[in-house]
């Protein structure tokens, strides 16, 4: 911590998960480091917020735009809340929903191309079927490239403010 403080760093990047990041943020604050902890989607979790007031000002980056800012995403979250699940959907929930629909849509495409029956080699054909998918999901436009990577290249920066994750900015949509 002394080396980080002496470095004068503007921020400290941590590539791990919320359970470790919270303790690290507390230690940085206790050591007098006046720089936010930054991380990826591994720290972007509601449980990170329970780490204490030291995490205010910390930053995380996650893929896409918050579901609340998407028409279908807002509807999904409203239906999720109405269903009465014990845990919040979090930011992973909408992505898990779209991931499941990606598999369903790919299987449907294979069945349609095979006269209404699932082909015997469906498992082997799934990567290609997924790479041809394009649909509007709860997280926005869902599409994949030939490697199975999402074509959604937008990122959102979030910050902890008064014990809550708050969107700071989202990058522009890719062409």
N, C-alpha and C. Protein backbone atom coordinates (compact mmCIF):
# COMPACT_ATOMS: atom_id res chain seq x y z
N UNK A 1 0.82 -1.19 0.00
CA UNK A 1 0.00 0.00 0.00
C UNK A 1 0.87 1.26 0.00
N UNK A 2 2.00 1.17 0.71
CA UNK A 2 2.89 2.33 0.76
C UNK A 2 3.44 2.64 -0.63
N UNK A 3 3.76 1.61 -1.40
CA UNK A 3 4.27 1.84 -2.76
C UNK A 3 3.20 2.47 -3.64
N UNK A 4 1.97 2.01 -3.50
CA UNK A 4 0.88 2.58 -4.30
C UNK A 4 0.69 4.04 -3.92
N UNK A 5 0.67 4.35 -2.62
CA UNK A 5 0.50 5.72 -2.15
C UNK A 5 1.64 6.60 -2.66
N UNK A 6 2.87 6.10 -2.58
CA UNK A 6 4.04 6.87 -3.01
C UNK A 6 4.07 7.08 -4.52
N UNK A 7 3.44 6.21 -5.26
CA UNK A 7 3.47 6.32 -6.72
C UNK A 7 2.67 7.51 -7.24
N UNK A 8 1.71 7.97 -6.44
CA UNK A 8 0.86 9.07 -6.90
C UNK A 8 -0.13 8.64 -7.96
N UNK A 9 -0.43 7.36 -8.01
CA UNK A 9 -1.34 6.81 -9.03
C UNK A 9 -2.68 7.52 -8.98
N UNK A 10 -3.26 7.73 -10.16
CA UNK A 10 -4.59 8.32 -10.26
C UNK A 10 -5.67 7.30 -10.00
N UNK A 11 -5.34 6.03 -10.19
CA UNK A 11 -6.29 4.94 -9.96
C UNK A 11 -5.50 3.65 -9.78
N UNK A 12 -6.15 2.66 -9.18
CA UNK A 12 -5.54 1.33 -9.00
C UNK A 12 -6.45 0.34 -9.71
N UNK A 13 -5.90 -0.39 -10.67
CA UNK A 13 -6.71 -1.38 -11.39
C UNK A 13 -6.54 -2.74 -10.74
N UNK A 14 -7.68 -3.42 -10.53
CA UNK A 14 -7.68 -4.75 -9.97
C UNK A 14 -8.51 -5.64 -10.89
N UNK A 15 -7.92 -6.70 -11.39
CA UNK A 15 -8.59 -7.58 -12.34
C UNK A 15 -9.24 -8.78 -11.69
N UNK A 16 -9.72 -8.66 -10.48
CA UNK A 16 -10.31 -9.79 -9.78
C UNK A 16 -11.80 -9.61 -9.53
N UNK A 17 -12.27 -10.24 -8.46
CA UNK A 17 -13.69 -10.25 -8.15
C UNK A 17 -14.02 -9.42 -6.92
N UNK A 18 -15.31 -9.11 -6.79
CA UNK A 18 -15.82 -8.22 -5.74
C UNK A 18 -15.43 -8.65 -4.33
N UNK A 19 -15.38 -9.96 -4.08
CA UNK A 19 -15.10 -10.41 -2.72
C UNK A 19 -13.70 -10.03 -2.26
N UNK A 20 -12.75 -9.99 -3.17
CA UNK A 20 -11.39 -9.58 -2.85
C UNK A 20 -11.22 -8.08 -3.04
N UNK A 21 -11.88 -7.53 -4.04
CA UNK A 21 -11.74 -6.10 -4.37
C UNK A 21 -12.22 -5.21 -3.22
N UNK A 22 -13.29 -5.60 -2.54
CA UNK A 22 -13.79 -4.79 -1.43
C UNK A 22 -12.76 -4.64 -0.33
N UNK A 23 -12.12 -5.75 0.02
CA UNK A 23 -11.07 -5.69 1.05
C UNK A 23 -9.89 -4.84 0.57
N UNK A 24 -9.53 -4.97 -0.69
CA UNK A 24 -8.43 -4.18 -1.24
C UNK A 24 -8.77 -2.69 -1.20
N UNK A 25 -9.99 -2.33 -1.57
CA UNK A 25 -10.40 -0.93 -1.53
C UNK A 25 -10.32 -0.38 -0.11
N UNK A 26 -10.79 -1.16 0.86
CA UNK A 26 -10.71 -0.74 2.26
C UNK A 26 -9.26 -0.51 2.68
N UNK A 27 -8.38 -1.44 2.31
CA UNK A 27 -6.97 -1.33 2.68
C UNK A 27 -6.32 -0.10 2.03
N UNK A 28 -6.68 0.17 0.78
CA UNK A 28 -6.14 1.36 0.12
C UNK A 28 -6.56 2.62 0.87
N UNK A 29 -7.84 2.69 1.24
CA UNK A 29 -8.33 3.85 1.98
C UNK A 29 -7.65 3.99 3.33
N UNK A 30 -7.49 2.88 4.04
CA UNK A 30 -6.85 2.90 5.36
C UNK A 30 -5.38 3.31 5.27
N UNK A 31 -4.76 3.03 4.11
CA UNK A 31 -3.35 3.38 3.92
C UNK A 31 -3.18 4.81 3.39
N UNK A 32 -4.30 5.52 3.22
CA UNK A 32 -4.21 6.90 2.76
C UNK A 32 -4.06 7.06 1.26
N UNK A 33 -4.36 6.01 0.51
CA UNK A 33 -4.28 6.11 -0.95
C UNK A 33 -5.54 6.84 -1.42
N UNK A 34 -5.33 7.98 -2.07
CA UNK A 34 -6.44 8.80 -2.53
C UNK A 34 -6.66 8.56 -4.03
N UNK A 35 -6.97 7.33 -4.36
CA UNK A 35 -7.21 6.95 -5.75
C UNK A 35 -8.28 5.87 -5.76
N UNK A 36 -9.19 5.94 -6.72
CA UNK A 36 -10.24 4.91 -6.76
C UNK A 36 -9.69 3.56 -7.22
N UNK A 37 -10.33 2.52 -6.74
CA UNK A 37 -10.05 1.18 -7.24
C UNK A 37 -10.90 1.02 -8.50
N UNK A 38 -10.31 0.47 -9.54
CA UNK A 38 -11.03 0.22 -10.79
C UNK A 38 -10.97 -1.26 -11.10
N UNK A 39 -12.02 -1.76 -11.71
CA UNK A 39 -12.02 -3.16 -12.11
C UNK A 39 -12.98 -3.39 -13.24
N UNK A 40 -13.03 -4.62 -13.67
CA UNK A 40 -13.96 -5.00 -14.73
C UNK A 40 -15.27 -5.46 -14.12
N UNK A 41 -15.98 -6.28 -14.89
CA UNK A 41 -17.30 -6.72 -14.43
C UNK A 41 -17.20 -7.66 -13.22
N UNK A 42 -16.02 -8.10 -12.87
CA UNK A 42 -15.85 -8.96 -11.70
C UNK A 42 -16.14 -8.25 -10.38
N UNK A 43 -15.98 -6.94 -10.36
CA UNK A 43 -16.29 -6.22 -9.12
C UNK A 43 -17.67 -5.57 -9.19
N UNK A 44 -18.26 -5.53 -10.37
CA UNK A 44 -19.57 -4.90 -10.54
C UNK A 44 -20.66 -5.83 -10.04
N UNK A 45 -20.84 -5.83 -8.74
CA UNK A 45 -21.79 -6.72 -8.09
C UNK A 45 -22.37 -5.99 -6.89
N UNK A 46 -23.62 -6.27 -6.57
CA UNK A 46 -24.26 -5.65 -5.41
C UNK A 46 -23.50 -5.96 -4.12
N UNK A 47 -22.91 -7.13 -4.03
CA UNK A 47 -22.19 -7.50 -2.80
C UNK A 47 -20.96 -6.63 -2.59
N UNK A 48 -20.39 -6.08 -3.66
CA UNK A 48 -19.24 -5.18 -3.52
C UNK A 48 -19.63 -3.97 -2.68
N UNK A 49 -20.87 -3.55 -2.81
CA UNK A 49 -21.35 -2.36 -2.11
C UNK A 49 -21.40 -2.55 -0.60
N UNK A 50 -21.40 -3.78 -0.14
CA UNK A 50 -21.44 -4.06 1.30
C UNK A 50 -20.06 -3.94 1.94
N UNK A 51 -19.05 -3.61 1.15
CA UNK A 51 -17.68 -3.52 1.65
C UNK A 51 -17.45 -2.32 2.54
N UNK A 52 -18.35 -1.36 2.52
CA UNK A 52 -18.20 -0.19 3.38
C UNK A 52 -18.10 1.09 2.59
N UNK A 53 -18.08 2.22 3.29
CA UNK A 53 -18.06 3.51 2.61
C UNK A 53 -16.77 3.78 1.84
N UNK A 54 -15.74 3.00 2.14
CA UNK A 54 -14.46 3.21 1.43
C UNK A 54 -14.58 2.97 -0.07
N UNK A 55 -15.59 2.23 -0.50
CA UNK A 55 -15.70 1.90 -1.92
C UNK A 55 -16.36 3.02 -2.73
N UNK A 56 -16.92 4.04 -2.06
CA UNK A 56 -17.47 5.17 -2.81
C UNK A 56 -16.39 5.77 -3.70
N UNK A 57 -16.74 5.99 -4.95
CA UNK A 57 -15.79 6.53 -5.91
C UNK A 57 -15.10 5.45 -6.73
N UNK A 58 -15.19 4.19 -6.32
CA UNK A 58 -14.58 3.11 -7.10
C UNK A 58 -15.33 2.93 -8.40
N UNK A 59 -14.65 2.37 -9.39
CA UNK A 59 -15.19 2.26 -10.74
C UNK A 59 -15.14 0.83 -11.25
N UNK A 60 -16.09 0.51 -12.11
CA UNK A 60 -16.08 -0.78 -12.79
C UNK A 60 -16.52 -0.55 -14.23
N UNK A 61 -16.16 -1.47 -15.09
CA UNK A 61 -16.55 -1.41 -16.49
C UNK A 61 -17.24 -2.71 -16.83
N UNK A 62 -18.36 -2.61 -17.54
CA UNK A 62 -19.02 -3.84 -18.00
C UNK A 62 -19.46 -3.67 -19.44
N UNK A 63 -19.68 -4.78 -20.09
CA UNK A 63 -20.08 -4.75 -21.49
C UNK A 63 -21.52 -4.28 -21.63
N UNK A 64 -21.79 -3.57 -22.68
CA UNK A 64 -23.14 -3.15 -23.01
C UNK A 64 -23.61 -1.93 -22.25
N UNK A 65 -24.89 -1.65 -22.45
CA UNK A 65 -25.56 -0.53 -21.82
C UNK A 65 -26.50 -1.12 -20.77
N UNK A 66 -26.67 -0.49 -19.63
CA UNK A 66 -27.56 -1.05 -18.61
C UNK A 66 -28.94 -1.39 -19.18
N UNK A 67 -29.46 -2.53 -18.74
CA UNK A 67 -30.76 -3.00 -19.23
C UNK A 67 -31.85 -1.96 -18.99
N UNK A 68 -31.74 -1.21 -17.91
CA UNK A 68 -32.73 -0.18 -17.59
C UNK A 68 -32.85 0.85 -18.70
N UNK A 69 -31.78 1.02 -19.48
CA UNK A 69 -31.76 2.02 -20.55
C UNK A 69 -32.17 1.43 -21.90
N UNK A 70 -32.55 0.17 -21.94
CA UNK A 70 -33.01 -0.50 -23.15
C UNK A 70 -34.50 -0.76 -23.01
N UNK A 71 -35.28 -0.53 -24.06
CA UNK A 71 -36.73 -0.72 -23.98
C UNK A 71 -37.08 -2.14 -23.53
N UNK A 72 -36.51 -3.13 -24.21
CA UNK A 72 -36.80 -4.52 -23.84
C UNK A 72 -36.17 -4.88 -22.50
N UNK A 73 -35.08 -4.24 -22.16
CA UNK A 73 -34.43 -4.50 -20.89
C UNK A 73 -35.26 -4.01 -19.72
N UNK A 74 -35.83 -2.83 -19.86
CA UNK A 74 -36.68 -2.30 -18.79
C UNK A 74 -37.90 -3.20 -18.59
N UNK A 75 -38.47 -3.68 -19.68
CA UNK A 75 -39.62 -4.59 -19.59
C UNK A 75 -39.21 -5.90 -18.92
N UNK A 76 -38.06 -6.45 -19.30
CA UNK A 76 -37.56 -7.68 -18.68
C UNK A 76 -37.41 -7.50 -17.17
N UNK A 77 -36.79 -6.39 -16.75
CA UNK A 77 -36.57 -6.15 -15.33
C UNK A 77 -37.89 -5.98 -14.58
N UNK A 78 -38.86 -5.34 -15.20
CA UNK A 78 -40.18 -5.19 -14.56
C UNK A 78 -40.84 -6.56 -14.39
N UNK A 79 -40.76 -7.41 -15.42
CA UNK A 79 -41.34 -8.75 -15.32
C UNK A 79 -40.60 -9.58 -14.28
N UNK A 80 -39.29 -9.41 -14.20
CA UNK A 80 -38.48 -10.13 -13.23
C UNK A 80 -38.90 -9.75 -11.80
N UNK A 81 -39.03 -8.44 -11.56
CA UNK A 81 -39.45 -7.98 -10.22
C UNK A 81 -40.85 -8.50 -9.90
N UNK A 82 -41.75 -8.43 -10.87
CA UNK A 82 -43.13 -8.87 -10.66
C UNK A 82 -43.18 -10.37 -10.32
N UNK A 83 -42.25 -11.15 -10.86
CA UNK A 83 -42.21 -12.59 -10.58
C UNK A 83 -41.83 -12.87 -9.13
N UNK A 84 -41.24 -11.89 -8.44
CA UNK A 84 -40.96 -12.03 -7.02
C UNK A 84 -39.74 -12.85 -6.66
N UNK A 85 -38.75 -12.90 -7.54
CA UNK A 85 -37.53 -13.64 -7.21
C UNK A 85 -36.85 -13.04 -5.99
N UNK A 86 -36.20 -13.88 -5.20
CA UNK A 86 -35.56 -13.44 -3.96
C UNK A 86 -34.38 -12.51 -4.22
N UNK A 87 -33.64 -12.76 -5.28
CA UNK A 87 -32.47 -11.94 -5.60
C UNK A 87 -32.78 -11.03 -6.78
N UNK A 88 -32.11 -9.88 -6.82
CA UNK A 88 -32.28 -8.99 -7.96
C UNK A 88 -31.66 -9.63 -9.20
N UNK A 89 -32.06 -9.15 -10.35
CA UNK A 89 -31.52 -9.68 -11.60
C UNK A 89 -30.05 -9.32 -11.75
N UNK A 90 -29.61 -8.26 -11.08
CA UNK A 90 -28.23 -7.83 -11.24
C UNK A 90 -27.96 -7.44 -12.68
N UNK A 91 -26.72 -7.21 -13.01
CA UNK A 91 -26.45 -6.86 -14.40
C UNK A 91 -26.26 -8.11 -15.24
N UNK A 92 -25.96 -9.25 -14.61
CA UNK A 92 -25.79 -10.49 -15.35
C UNK A 92 -27.12 -11.09 -15.81
N UNK A 93 -28.20 -10.87 -15.06
CA UNK A 93 -29.49 -11.47 -15.37
C UNK A 93 -29.95 -11.25 -16.80
N UNK A 94 -30.00 -10.00 -17.27
CA UNK A 94 -30.42 -9.77 -18.64
C UNK A 94 -29.50 -10.45 -19.67
N UNK A 95 -28.20 -10.49 -19.38
CA UNK A 95 -27.28 -11.15 -20.30
C UNK A 95 -27.47 -12.66 -20.30
N UNK A 96 -27.74 -13.22 -19.14
CA UNK A 96 -28.03 -14.65 -19.06
C UNK A 96 -29.30 -14.97 -19.84
N UNK A 97 -30.29 -14.12 -19.73
CA UNK A 97 -31.54 -14.29 -20.47
C UNK A 97 -31.28 -14.29 -21.98
N UNK A 98 -30.51 -13.30 -22.45
CA UNK A 98 -30.19 -13.24 -23.88
C UNK A 98 -29.31 -14.41 -24.32
N UNK A 99 -28.44 -14.86 -23.44
CA UNK A 99 -27.60 -16.03 -23.77
C UNK A 99 -28.47 -17.27 -23.96
N UNK A 100 -29.44 -17.45 -23.07
CA UNK A 100 -30.35 -18.59 -23.20
C UNK A 100 -31.15 -18.48 -24.50
N UNK A 101 -31.63 -17.27 -24.80
CA UNK A 101 -32.38 -17.10 -26.05
C UNK A 101 -31.50 -17.32 -27.28
N UNK A 102 -30.22 -17.02 -27.17
CA UNK A 102 -29.30 -17.28 -28.29
C UNK A 102 -29.25 -18.77 -28.60
N UNK A 103 -29.17 -19.58 -27.56
CA UNK A 103 -29.15 -21.03 -27.76
C UNK A 103 -30.48 -21.50 -28.34
N UNK A 104 -31.58 -20.99 -27.79
CA UNK A 104 -32.91 -21.38 -28.29
C UNK A 104 -33.07 -20.99 -29.75
N UNK A 105 -32.68 -19.78 -30.10
CA UNK A 105 -32.82 -19.31 -31.49
C UNK A 105 -31.93 -20.12 -32.43
N UNK A 106 -30.75 -20.48 -32.00
CA UNK A 106 -29.85 -21.28 -32.84
C UNK A 106 -30.44 -22.67 -33.05
N UNK A 107 -30.99 -23.29 -32.02
CA UNK A 107 -31.62 -24.61 -32.16
C UNK A 107 -32.82 -24.51 -33.09
N UNK A 108 -33.63 -23.46 -32.93
CA UNK A 108 -34.78 -23.27 -33.81
C UNK A 108 -34.35 -23.15 -35.27
N UNK A 109 -33.25 -22.45 -35.53
CA UNK A 109 -32.75 -22.30 -36.90
C UNK A 109 -32.29 -23.64 -37.45
N UNK A 110 -31.63 -24.45 -36.63
CA UNK A 110 -31.19 -25.77 -37.08
C UNK A 110 -32.40 -26.66 -37.39
N UNK A 111 -33.41 -26.60 -36.56
CA UNK A 111 -34.62 -27.41 -36.77
C UNK A 111 -35.32 -26.96 -38.06
N UNK A 112 -35.44 -25.67 -38.24
CA UNK A 112 -36.10 -25.14 -39.45
C UNK A 112 -35.35 -25.56 -40.71
N UNK A 113 -34.04 -25.51 -40.68
CA UNK A 113 -33.22 -25.89 -41.84
C UNK A 113 -33.23 -27.39 -42.09
N UNK A 114 -33.73 -28.16 -41.13
CA UNK A 114 -33.74 -29.63 -41.24
C UNK A 114 -35.18 -30.16 -41.29
N UNK A 115 -36.05 -29.42 -41.97
CA UNK A 115 -37.45 -29.83 -42.17
C UNK A 115 -38.18 -30.13 -40.86
N UNK A 116 -37.92 -29.32 -39.83
CA UNK A 116 -38.67 -29.44 -38.59
C UNK A 116 -38.15 -30.45 -37.59
N UNK A 117 -37.01 -31.04 -37.85
CA UNK A 117 -36.44 -32.02 -36.92
C UNK A 117 -35.03 -31.59 -36.52
N UNK A 118 -34.67 -31.89 -35.30
CA UNK A 118 -33.32 -31.58 -34.84
C UNK A 118 -32.34 -32.51 -35.54
N UNK A 119 -31.34 -31.97 -36.24
CA UNK A 119 -30.38 -32.83 -36.92
C UNK A 119 -29.51 -33.61 -35.94
N UNK A 120 -29.07 -34.74 -36.35
CA UNK A 120 -28.22 -35.58 -35.51
C UNK A 120 -26.90 -34.93 -35.15
N UNK A 121 -26.42 -34.04 -35.99
CA UNK A 121 -25.15 -33.36 -35.73
C UNK A 121 -25.37 -31.93 -35.21
N UNK A 122 -26.49 -31.72 -34.52
CA UNK A 122 -26.85 -30.39 -34.04
C UNK A 122 -25.75 -29.76 -33.19
N UNK A 123 -25.18 -30.54 -32.30
CA UNK A 123 -24.13 -29.99 -31.42
C UNK A 123 -22.97 -29.45 -32.25
N UNK A 124 -22.54 -30.16 -33.25
CA UNK A 124 -21.43 -29.72 -34.09
C UNK A 124 -21.79 -28.48 -34.91
N UNK A 125 -23.07 -28.33 -35.22
CA UNK A 125 -23.51 -27.21 -36.05
C UNK A 125 -23.88 -25.97 -35.25
N UNK A 126 -23.93 -26.07 -33.94
CA UNK A 126 -24.33 -24.93 -33.10
C UNK A 126 -23.44 -23.70 -33.24
N UNK A 127 -22.10 -23.83 -33.25
CA UNK A 127 -21.29 -22.61 -33.38
C UNK A 127 -21.62 -21.81 -34.64
N UNK A 128 -21.80 -22.49 -35.74
CA UNK A 128 -22.14 -21.79 -36.97
C UNK A 128 -23.54 -21.17 -36.88
N UNK A 129 -24.47 -21.90 -36.29
CA UNK A 129 -25.84 -21.37 -36.14
C UNK A 129 -25.84 -20.13 -35.26
N UNK A 130 -25.07 -20.15 -34.18
CA UNK A 130 -24.99 -18.99 -33.29
C UNK A 130 -24.34 -17.81 -34.02
N UNK A 131 -23.32 -18.07 -34.81
CA UNK A 131 -22.63 -16.98 -35.51
C UNK A 131 -23.53 -16.27 -36.52
N UNK A 132 -24.61 -16.93 -36.96
CA UNK A 132 -25.53 -16.31 -37.92
C UNK A 132 -26.69 -15.58 -37.23
N UNK A 133 -26.77 -15.67 -35.91
CA UNK A 133 -27.88 -15.06 -35.17
C UNK A 133 -27.84 -13.54 -35.19
N UNK A 134 -28.98 -12.96 -35.24
CA UNK A 134 -29.16 -11.53 -35.02
C UNK A 134 -30.59 -11.36 -34.52
N UNK A 135 -30.75 -10.81 -33.32
CA UNK A 135 -32.08 -10.51 -32.82
C UNK A 135 -31.99 -9.40 -31.78
N UNK A 136 -33.11 -8.76 -31.54
CA UNK A 136 -33.17 -7.72 -30.53
C UNK A 136 -33.50 -8.36 -29.20
N UNK A 137 -32.53 -8.35 -28.30
CA UNK A 137 -32.71 -8.95 -26.98
C UNK A 137 -32.97 -7.90 -25.93
N UNK A 138 -32.99 -8.33 -24.69
CA UNK A 138 -33.23 -7.39 -23.59
C UNK A 138 -32.00 -6.53 -23.31
N UNK A 139 -30.84 -6.93 -23.85
CA UNK A 139 -29.62 -6.15 -23.68
C UNK A 139 -29.28 -5.32 -24.91
N UNK A 140 -30.16 -5.34 -25.89
CA UNK A 140 -29.91 -4.63 -27.14
C UNK A 140 -29.78 -5.62 -28.29
N UNK A 141 -29.11 -5.22 -29.34
CA UNK A 141 -28.93 -6.07 -30.51
C UNK A 141 -27.99 -7.21 -30.16
N UNK A 142 -28.42 -8.45 -30.38
CA UNK A 142 -27.62 -9.63 -30.08
C UNK A 142 -27.14 -10.22 -31.40
N UNK A 143 -25.83 -10.31 -31.54
CA UNK A 143 -25.22 -10.89 -32.74
C UNK A 143 -23.80 -11.30 -32.37
N UNK A 144 -23.29 -12.31 -33.08
CA UNK A 144 -21.97 -12.84 -32.79
C UNK A 144 -21.15 -12.91 -34.07
N UNK A 145 -19.84 -12.85 -33.94
CA UNK A 145 -18.98 -13.01 -35.10
C UNK A 145 -18.62 -14.49 -35.28
N UNK A 146 -17.81 -14.78 -36.26
CA UNK A 146 -17.44 -16.16 -36.56
C UNK A 146 -16.68 -16.86 -35.45
N UNK A 147 -16.17 -16.11 -34.49
CA UNK A 147 -15.44 -16.69 -33.36
C UNK A 147 -16.33 -16.87 -32.14
N UNK A 148 -17.59 -16.45 -32.26
CA UNK A 148 -18.51 -16.56 -31.14
C UNK A 148 -18.47 -15.36 -30.21
N UNK A 149 -17.69 -14.34 -30.56
CA UNK A 149 -17.62 -13.13 -29.74
C UNK A 149 -18.79 -12.21 -30.09
N UNK A 150 -19.28 -11.51 -29.09
CA UNK A 150 -20.39 -10.60 -29.33
C UNK A 150 -19.97 -9.45 -30.24
N UNK A 151 -20.90 -9.01 -31.04
CA UNK A 151 -20.65 -7.84 -31.88
C UNK A 151 -20.95 -6.55 -31.11
N UNK A 152 -21.54 -6.70 -29.92
CA UNK A 152 -21.83 -5.55 -29.07
C UNK A 152 -20.53 -5.14 -28.38
N UNK A 153 -19.93 -4.12 -28.85
CA UNK A 153 -18.64 -3.67 -28.32
C UNK A 153 -18.76 -2.48 -27.38
N UNK A 154 -19.99 -2.14 -27.02
CA UNK A 154 -20.19 -1.00 -26.11
C UNK A 154 -19.80 -1.38 -24.70
N UNK A 155 -19.23 -0.44 -23.99
CA UNK A 155 -18.88 -0.61 -22.59
C UNK A 155 -19.52 0.51 -21.78
N UNK A 156 -19.82 0.23 -20.53
CA UNK A 156 -20.35 1.23 -19.62
C UNK A 156 -19.45 1.31 -18.40
N UNK A 157 -19.12 2.52 -18.01
CA UNK A 157 -18.36 2.76 -16.79
C UNK A 157 -19.38 3.09 -15.70
N UNK A 158 -19.25 2.42 -14.56
CA UNK A 158 -20.12 2.67 -13.41
C UNK A 158 -19.24 3.05 -12.22
N UNK A 159 -19.81 3.83 -11.33
CA UNK A 159 -19.10 4.28 -10.14
C UNK A 159 -19.98 4.04 -8.92
N UNK A 160 -19.34 3.82 -7.78
CA UNK A 160 -20.08 3.70 -6.53
C UNK A 160 -20.28 5.11 -5.99
N UNK A 161 -21.54 5.49 -5.84
CA UNK A 161 -21.88 6.80 -5.28
C UNK A 161 -22.90 6.59 -4.17
N UNK A 162 -22.55 7.01 -2.98
CA UNK A 162 -23.43 6.87 -1.81
C UNK A 162 -23.92 5.43 -1.65
N UNK A 163 -23.01 4.50 -1.86
CA UNK A 163 -23.33 3.09 -1.65
C UNK A 163 -24.13 2.42 -2.76
N UNK A 164 -24.24 3.06 -3.93
CA UNK A 164 -24.99 2.49 -5.06
C UNK A 164 -24.16 2.57 -6.33
N UNK A 165 -24.31 1.57 -7.20
CA UNK A 165 -23.68 1.64 -8.52
C UNK A 165 -24.46 2.64 -9.36
N UNK A 166 -23.75 3.55 -10.00
CA UNK A 166 -24.35 4.57 -10.84
C UNK A 166 -23.62 4.62 -12.16
N UNK A 167 -24.37 4.60 -13.27
CA UNK A 167 -23.75 4.68 -14.59
C UNK A 167 -23.10 6.05 -14.75
N UNK A 168 -21.86 6.03 -15.22
CA UNK A 168 -21.14 7.28 -15.47
C UNK A 168 -21.23 7.60 -16.96
N UNK A 169 -20.92 6.62 -17.79
CA UNK A 169 -20.95 6.84 -19.23
C UNK A 169 -20.97 5.50 -19.95
N UNK A 170 -21.57 5.51 -21.13
CA UNK A 170 -21.55 4.35 -22.03
C UNK A 170 -20.91 4.79 -23.33
N UNK A 171 -20.10 3.93 -23.89
CA UNK A 171 -19.47 4.25 -25.15
C UNK A 171 -20.48 4.25 -26.28
N UNK A 172 -20.12 4.86 -27.40
CA UNK A 172 -21.04 4.90 -28.54
C UNK A 172 -21.22 3.52 -29.15
N UNK A 173 -22.32 3.35 -29.84
CA UNK A 173 -22.58 2.09 -30.54
C UNK A 173 -21.56 1.92 -31.65
N UNK A 174 -21.14 0.68 -31.86
CA UNK A 174 -20.18 0.38 -32.93
C UNK A 174 -20.89 0.47 -34.28
N UNK A 175 -20.16 0.84 -35.31
CA UNK A 175 -20.78 0.92 -36.64
C UNK A 175 -21.21 -0.44 -37.15
